[in-house]
């Protein structure tokens, strides 16, 4: 895992700038991030990702 530190307003660039993560603000242990990514890249919070994965593994009724 790569660990980076950033201040509010600073960014992290991924894959030659295709994905950009900006620190919007931080307070009381909460950090707000802004994420710009191409439409073909899914960006989810972990709990949403896990819910999607769980629903994809259950058999679908026709």
PDB file of N, CA and C in Angstrom:
ATOM      1  N   UNK A   1       0.848  -1.179   0.000  1.00  0.00           N
ATOM      2  CA  UNK A   1       0.000   0.000   0.000  1.00  0.00           C
ATOM      3  C   UNK A   1       0.892   1.239   0.000  1.00  0.00           C
ATOM      4  N   UNK A   2       0.602   2.137  -0.881  1.00  0.00           N
ATOM      5  CA  UNK A   2       1.282   3.430  -0.920  1.00  0.00           C
ATOM      6  C   UNK A   2       0.546   4.386   0.016  1.00  0.00           C
ATOM      7  N   UNK A   3       1.272   5.047   0.871  1.00  0.00           N
ATOM      8  CA  UNK A   3       0.677   6.011   1.799  1.00  0.00           C
ATOM      9  C   UNK A   3       1.200   7.395   1.450  1.00  0.00           C
ATOM     10  N   UNK A   4       0.274   8.318   1.191  1.00  0.00           N
ATOM     11  CA  UNK A   4       0.622   9.698   0.848  1.00  0.00           C
ATOM     12  C   UNK A   4      -0.037  10.643   1.840  1.00  0.00           C
ATOM     13  N   UNK A   5       0.598  11.757   2.092  1.00  0.00           N
ATOM     14  CA  UNK A   5      -0.037  12.798   2.894  1.00  0.00           C
ATOM     15  C   UNK A   5      -0.307  13.991   1.986  1.00  0.00           C
ATOM     16  N   UNK A   6      -1.452  14.605   2.186  1.00  0.00           N
ATOM     17  CA  UNK A   6      -1.864  15.761   1.394  1.00  0.00           C
ATOM     18  C   UNK A   6      -2.562  16.744   2.306  1.00  0.00           C
ATOM     19  N   UNK A   7      -2.466  18.007   1.972  1.00  0.00           N
ATOM     20  CA  UNK A   7      -3.196  19.060   2.680  1.00  0.00           C
ATOM     21  C   UNK A   7      -4.472  19.363   1.907  1.00  0.00           C
ATOM     22  N   UNK A   8      -5.380  20.078   2.550  1.00  0.00           N
ATOM     23  CA  UNK A   8      -6.617  20.470   1.875  1.00  0.00           C
ATOM     24  C   UNK A   8      -6.288  21.216   0.591  1.00  0.00           C
ATOM     25  N   UNK A   9      -6.983  20.848  -0.469  1.00  0.00           N
ATOM     26  CA  UNK A   9      -6.780  21.476  -1.766  1.00  0.00           C
ATOM     27  C   UNK A   9      -5.739  20.781  -2.624  1.00  0.00           C
ATOM     28  N   UNK A  10      -4.938  19.901  -2.036  1.00  0.00           N
ATOM     29  CA  UNK A  10      -3.920  19.198  -2.811  1.00  0.00           C
ATOM     30  C   UNK A  10      -4.513  17.947  -3.455  1.00  0.00           C
ATOM     31  N   UNK A  11      -3.839  17.464  -4.505  1.00  0.00           N
ATOM     32  CA  UNK A  11      -4.366  16.349  -5.280  1.00  0.00           C
ATOM     33  C   UNK A  11      -3.372  15.206  -5.390  1.00  0.00           C
ATOM     34  N   UNK A  12      -3.923  14.051  -5.729  1.00  0.00           N
ATOM     35  CA  UNK A  12      -3.151  12.869  -6.092  1.00  0.00           C
ATOM     36  C   UNK A  12      -3.593  12.497  -7.498  1.00  0.00           C
ATOM     37  N   UNK A  13      -2.635  12.255  -8.373  1.00  0.00           N
ATOM     38  CA  UNK A  13      -2.931  11.898  -9.759  1.00  0.00           C
ATOM     39  C   UNK A  13      -2.593  10.425  -9.965  1.00  0.00           C
ATOM     40  N   UNK A  14      -3.487   9.691 -10.609  1.00  0.00           N
ATOM     41  CA  UNK A  14      -3.301   8.259 -10.855  1.00  0.00           C
ATOM     42  C   UNK A  14      -3.427   7.993 -12.348  1.00  0.00           C
ATOM     43  N   UNK A  15      -2.605   7.092 -12.837  1.00  0.00           N
ATOM     44  CA  UNK A  15      -2.626   6.658 -14.239  1.00  0.00           C
ATOM     45  C   UNK A  15      -2.508   7.848 -15.193  1.00  0.00           C
ATOM     46  N   UNK A  16      -1.426   8.583 -15.023  1.00  0.00           N
ATOM     47  CA  UNK A  16      -1.109   9.743 -15.872  1.00  0.00           C
ATOM     48  C   UNK A  16      -2.219  10.796 -15.859  1.00  0.00           C
ATOM     49  N   UNK A  17      -2.871  10.951 -14.714  1.00  0.00           N
ATOM     50  CA  UNK A  17      -3.894  11.981 -14.561  1.00  0.00           C
ATOM     51  C   UNK A  17      -5.290  11.559 -14.956  1.00  0.00           C
ATOM     52  N   UNK A  18      -5.476  10.307 -15.381  1.00  0.00           N
ATOM     53  CA  UNK A  18      -6.823   9.847 -15.742  1.00  0.00           C
ATOM     54  C   UNK A  18      -7.742   9.836 -14.526  1.00  0.00           C
ATOM     55  N   UNK A  19      -7.165   9.561 -13.363  1.00  0.00           N
ATOM     56  CA  UNK A  19      -7.919   9.571 -12.108  1.00  0.00           C
ATOM     57  C   UNK A  19      -7.284  10.610 -11.200  1.00  0.00           C
ATOM     58  N   UNK A  20      -8.115  11.510 -10.680  1.00  0.00           N
ATOM     59  CA  UNK A  20      -7.625  12.575  -9.809  1.00  0.00           C
ATOM     60  C   UNK A  20      -8.390  12.522  -8.490  1.00  0.00           C
ATOM     61  N   UNK A  21      -7.649  12.600  -7.402  1.00  0.00           N
ATOM     62  CA  UNK A  21      -8.253  12.616  -6.071  1.00  0.00           C
ATOM     63  C   UNK A  21      -7.817  13.904  -5.392  1.00  0.00           C
ATOM     64  N   UNK A  22      -8.793  14.688  -4.943  1.00  0.00           N
ATOM     65  CA  UNK A  22      -8.501  15.969  -4.306  1.00  0.00           C
ATOM     66  C   UNK A  22      -9.032  15.957  -2.877  1.00  0.00           C
ATOM     67  N   UNK A  23      -8.206  16.406  -1.943  1.00  0.00           N
ATOM     68  CA  UNK A  23      -8.643  16.550  -0.553  1.00  0.00           C
ATOM     69  C   UNK A  23      -9.440  17.850  -0.469  1.00  0.00           C
ATOM     70  N   UNK A  24     -10.734  17.735  -0.195  1.00  0.00           N
ATOM     71  CA  UNK A  24     -11.592  18.915  -0.135  1.00  0.00           C
ATOM     72  C   UNK A  24     -11.554  19.559   1.245  1.00  0.00           C
ATOM     73  N   UNK A  25     -11.701  18.744   2.293  1.00  0.00           N
ATOM     74  CA  UNK A  25     -11.580  19.256   3.656  1.00  0.00           C
ATOM     75  C   UNK A  25     -11.424  18.098   4.627  1.00  0.00           C
ATOM     76  N   UNK A  26     -10.974  18.417   5.803  1.00  0.00           N
ATOM     77  CA  UNK A  26     -10.861  17.438   6.867  1.00  0.00           C
ATOM     78  C   UNK A  26     -11.180  18.105   8.189  1.00  0.00           C
ATOM     79  N   UNK A  27     -11.976  17.420   9.010  1.00  0.00           N
ATOM     80  CA  UNK A  27     -12.297  17.942  10.343  1.00  0.00           C
ATOM     81  C   UNK A  27     -12.856  16.809  11.206  1.00  0.00           C
ATOM     82  N   UNK A  28     -12.491  16.837  12.461  1.00  0.00           N
ATOM     83  CA  UNK A  28     -12.977  15.870  13.448  1.00  0.00           C
ATOM     84  C   UNK A  28     -12.848  14.422  12.975  1.00  0.00           C
ATOM     85  N   UNK A  29     -11.756  14.086  12.349  1.00  0.00           N
ATOM     86  CA  UNK A  29     -11.525  12.711  11.916  1.00  0.00           C
ATOM     87  C   UNK A  29     -12.230  12.306  10.641  1.00  0.00           C
ATOM     88  N   UNK A  30     -12.864  13.257   9.954  1.00  0.00           N
ATOM     89  CA  UNK A  30     -13.548  12.969   8.689  1.00  0.00           C
ATOM     90  C   UNK A  30     -12.848  13.734   7.579  1.00  0.00           C
ATOM     91  N   UNK A  31     -12.604  13.055   6.481  1.00  0.00           N
ATOM     92  CA  UNK A  31     -11.956  13.679   5.332  1.00  0.00           C
ATOM     93  C   UNK A  31     -12.899  13.584   4.141  1.00  0.00           C
ATOM     94  N   UNK A  32     -13.086  14.674   3.422  1.00  0.00           N
ATOM     95  CA  UNK A  32     -13.889  14.673   2.206  1.00  0.00           C
ATOM     96  C   UNK A  32     -12.944  14.675   1.013  1.00  0.00           C
ATOM     97  N   UNK A  33     -13.166  13.725   0.115  1.00  0.00           N
ATOM     98  CA  UNK A  33     -12.349  13.602  -1.085  1.00  0.00           C
ATOM     99  C   UNK A  33     -13.214  13.830  -2.310  1.00  0.00           C
ATOM    100  N   UNK A  34     -12.678  14.518  -3.289  1.00  0.00           N
ATOM    101  CA  UNK A  34     -13.314  14.655  -4.588  1.00  0.00           C
ATOM    102  C   UNK A  34     -12.562  13.756  -5.554  1.00  0.00           C
ATOM    103  N   UNK A  35     -13.295  12.949  -6.315  1.00  0.00           N
ATOM    104  CA  UNK A  35     -12.657  11.991  -7.216  1.00  0.00           C
ATOM    105  C   UNK A  35     -13.173  12.214  -8.628  1.00  0.00           C
ATOM    106  N   UNK A  36     -12.243  12.432  -9.545  1.00  0.00           N
ATOM    107  CA  UNK A  36     -12.561  12.519 -10.968  1.00  0.00           C
ATOM    108  C   UNK A  36     -11.995  11.278 -11.637  1.00  0.00           C
ATOM    109  N   UNK A  37     -12.853  10.546 -12.352  1.00  0.00           N
ATOM    110  CA  UNK A  37     -12.417   9.331 -13.026  1.00  0.00           C
ATOM    111  C   UNK A  37     -13.236   9.152 -14.298  1.00  0.00           C
ATOM    112  N   UNK A  38     -12.690   8.459 -15.280  1.00  0.00           N
ATOM    113  CA  UNK A  38     -13.450   8.183 -16.501  1.00  0.00           C
ATOM    114  C   UNK A  38     -14.730   7.402 -16.178  1.00  0.00           C
ATOM    115  N   UNK A  39     -15.720   7.518 -17.048  1.00  0.00           N
ATOM    116  CA  UNK A  39     -17.006   6.854 -16.827  1.00  0.00           C
ATOM    117  C   UNK A  39     -16.887   5.333 -16.727  1.00  0.00           C
ATOM    118  N   UNK A  40     -15.872   4.759 -17.345  1.00  0.00           N
ATOM    119  CA  UNK A  40     -15.735   3.300 -17.321  1.00  0.00           C
ATOM    120  C   UNK A  40     -15.034   2.786 -16.060  1.00  0.00           C
ATOM    121  N   UNK A  41     -14.713   3.679 -15.136  1.00  0.00           N
ATOM    122  CA  UNK A  41     -14.101   3.307 -13.857  1.00  0.00           C
ATOM    123  C   UNK A  41     -15.149   3.469 -12.759  1.00  0.00           C
ATOM    124  N   UNK A  42     -15.451   2.372 -12.057  1.00  0.00           N
ATOM    125  CA  UNK A  42     -16.387   2.444 -10.933  1.00  0.00           C
ATOM    126  C   UNK A  42     -15.671   2.998  -9.709  1.00  0.00           C
ATOM    127  N   UNK A  43     -16.313   3.930  -9.033  1.00  0.00           N
ATOM    128  CA  UNK A  43     -15.786   4.489  -7.785  1.00  0.00           C
ATOM    129  C   UNK A  43     -16.905   4.392  -6.754  1.00  0.00           C
ATOM    130  N   UNK A  44     -16.690   3.588  -5.722  1.00  0.00           N
ATOM    131  CA  UNK A  44     -17.705   3.369  -4.692  1.00  0.00           C
ATOM    132  C   UNK A  44     -17.074   3.408  -3.307  1.00  0.00           C
ATOM    133  N   UNK A  45     -17.874   3.751  -2.317  1.00  0.00           N
ATOM    134  CA  UNK A  45     -17.466   3.521  -0.932  1.00  0.00           C
ATOM    135  C   UNK A  45     -17.454   2.004  -0.710  1.00  0.00           C
ATOM    136  N   UNK A  46     -16.671   1.546   0.253  1.00  0.00           N
ATOM    137  CA  UNK A  46     -16.516   0.102   0.453  1.00  0.00           C
ATOM    138  C   UNK A  46     -17.848  -0.598   0.710  1.00  0.00           C
ATOM    139  N   UNK A  47     -18.729  -0.005   1.533  1.00  0.00           N
ATOM    140  CA  UNK A  47     -19.992  -0.675   1.844  1.00  0.00           C
ATOM    141  C   UNK A  47     -20.880  -0.816   0.607  1.00  0.00           C
ATOM    142  N   UNK A  48     -20.836   0.147  -0.294  1.00  0.00           N
ATOM    143  CA  UNK A  48     -21.593   0.050  -1.544  1.00  0.00           C
ATOM    144  C   UNK A  48     -20.982  -1.018  -2.440  1.00  0.00           C
ATOM    145  N   UNK A  49     -19.661  -1.038  -2.541  1.00  0.00           N
ATOM    146  CA  UNK A  49     -18.952  -2.045  -3.328  1.00  0.00           C
ATOM    147  C   UNK A  49     -19.314  -3.452  -2.846  1.00  0.00           C
ATOM    148  N   UNK A  50     -19.276  -3.679  -1.528  1.00  0.00           N
ATOM    149  CA  UNK A  50     -19.589  -5.001  -0.990  1.00  0.00           C
ATOM    150  C   UNK A  50     -21.038  -5.390  -1.266  1.00  0.00           C
ATOM    151  N   UNK A  51     -21.951  -4.434  -1.170  1.00  0.00           N
ATOM    152  CA  UNK A  51     -23.358  -4.706  -1.472  1.00  0.00           C
ATOM    153  C   UNK A  51     -23.528  -5.110  -2.933  1.00  0.00           C
ATOM    154  N   UNK A  52     -22.847  -4.397  -3.832  1.00  0.00           N
ATOM    155  CA  UNK A  52     -22.912  -4.740  -5.254  1.00  0.00           C
ATOM    156  C   UNK A  52     -22.350  -6.133  -5.505  1.00  0.00           C
ATOM    157  N   UNK A  53     -21.224  -6.452  -4.872  1.00  0.00           N
ATOM    158  CA  UNK A  53     -20.606  -7.766  -5.057  1.00  0.00           C
ATOM    159  C   UNK A  53     -21.513  -8.874  -4.528  1.00  0.00           C
ATOM    160  N   UNK A  54     -22.161  -8.641  -3.401  1.00  0.00           N
ATOM    161  CA  UNK A  54     -23.061  -9.640  -2.827  1.00  0.00           C
ATOM    162  C   UNK A  54     -24.265  -9.873  -3.731  1.00  0.00           C
ATOM    163  N   UNK A  55     -24.802  -8.812  -4.317  1.00  0.00           N
ATOM    164  CA  UNK A  55     -25.970  -8.972  -5.189  1.00  0.00           C
ATOM    165  C   UNK A  55     -25.593  -9.625  -6.510  1.00  0.00           C
ATOM    166  N   UNK A  56     -24.349  -9.498  -6.939  1.00  0.00           N
ATOM    167  CA  UNK A  56     -23.905 -10.130  -8.186  1.00  0.00           C
ATOM    168  C   UNK A  56     -23.658 -11.620  -8.025  1.00  0.00           C
ATOM    169  N   UNK A  57     -23.470 -12.111  -6.802  1.00  0.00           N
ATOM    170  CA  UNK A  57     -23.169 -13.523  -6.594  1.00  0.00           C
ATOM    171  C   UNK A  57     -24.417 -14.352  -6.348  1.00  0.00           C
ATOM    172  N   UNK A  58     -25.558 -13.709  -6.101  1.00  0.00           N
ATOM    173  CA  UNK A  58     -26.785 -14.449  -5.859  1.00  0.00           C
ATOM    174  C   UNK A  58     -27.442 -14.803  -7.186  1.00  0.00           C
ATOM    175  N   UNK A  59     -28.023 -16.012  -7.276  1.00  0.00           N
ATOM    176  CA  UNK A  59     -28.680 -16.404  -8.531  1.00  0.00           C
ATOM    177  C   UNK A  59     -29.862 -15.492  -8.834  1.00  0.00           C
ATOM    178  N   UNK A  60     -30.023 -15.194 -10.084  1.00  0.00           N
ATOM    179  CA  UNK A  60     -31.133 -14.331 -10.512  1.00  0.00           C
ATOM    180  C   UNK A  60     -32.310 -15.188 -10.974  1.00  0.00           C
ATOM    181  N   UNK A  61     -33.499 -14.821 -10.554  1.00  0.00           N
ATOM    182  CA  UNK A  61     -34.702 -15.535 -10.972  1.00  0.00           C
ATOM    183  C   UNK A  61     -35.182 -14.976 -12.298  1.00  0.00           C
ATOM    184  N   UNK A  62     -35.628 -15.873 -13.157  1.00  0.00           N
ATOM    185  CA  UNK A  62     -36.130 -15.425 -14.472  1.00  0.00           C
ATOM    186  C   UNK A  62     -37.633 -15.344 -14.465  1.00  0.00           C
TER     187      UNK A  62
END
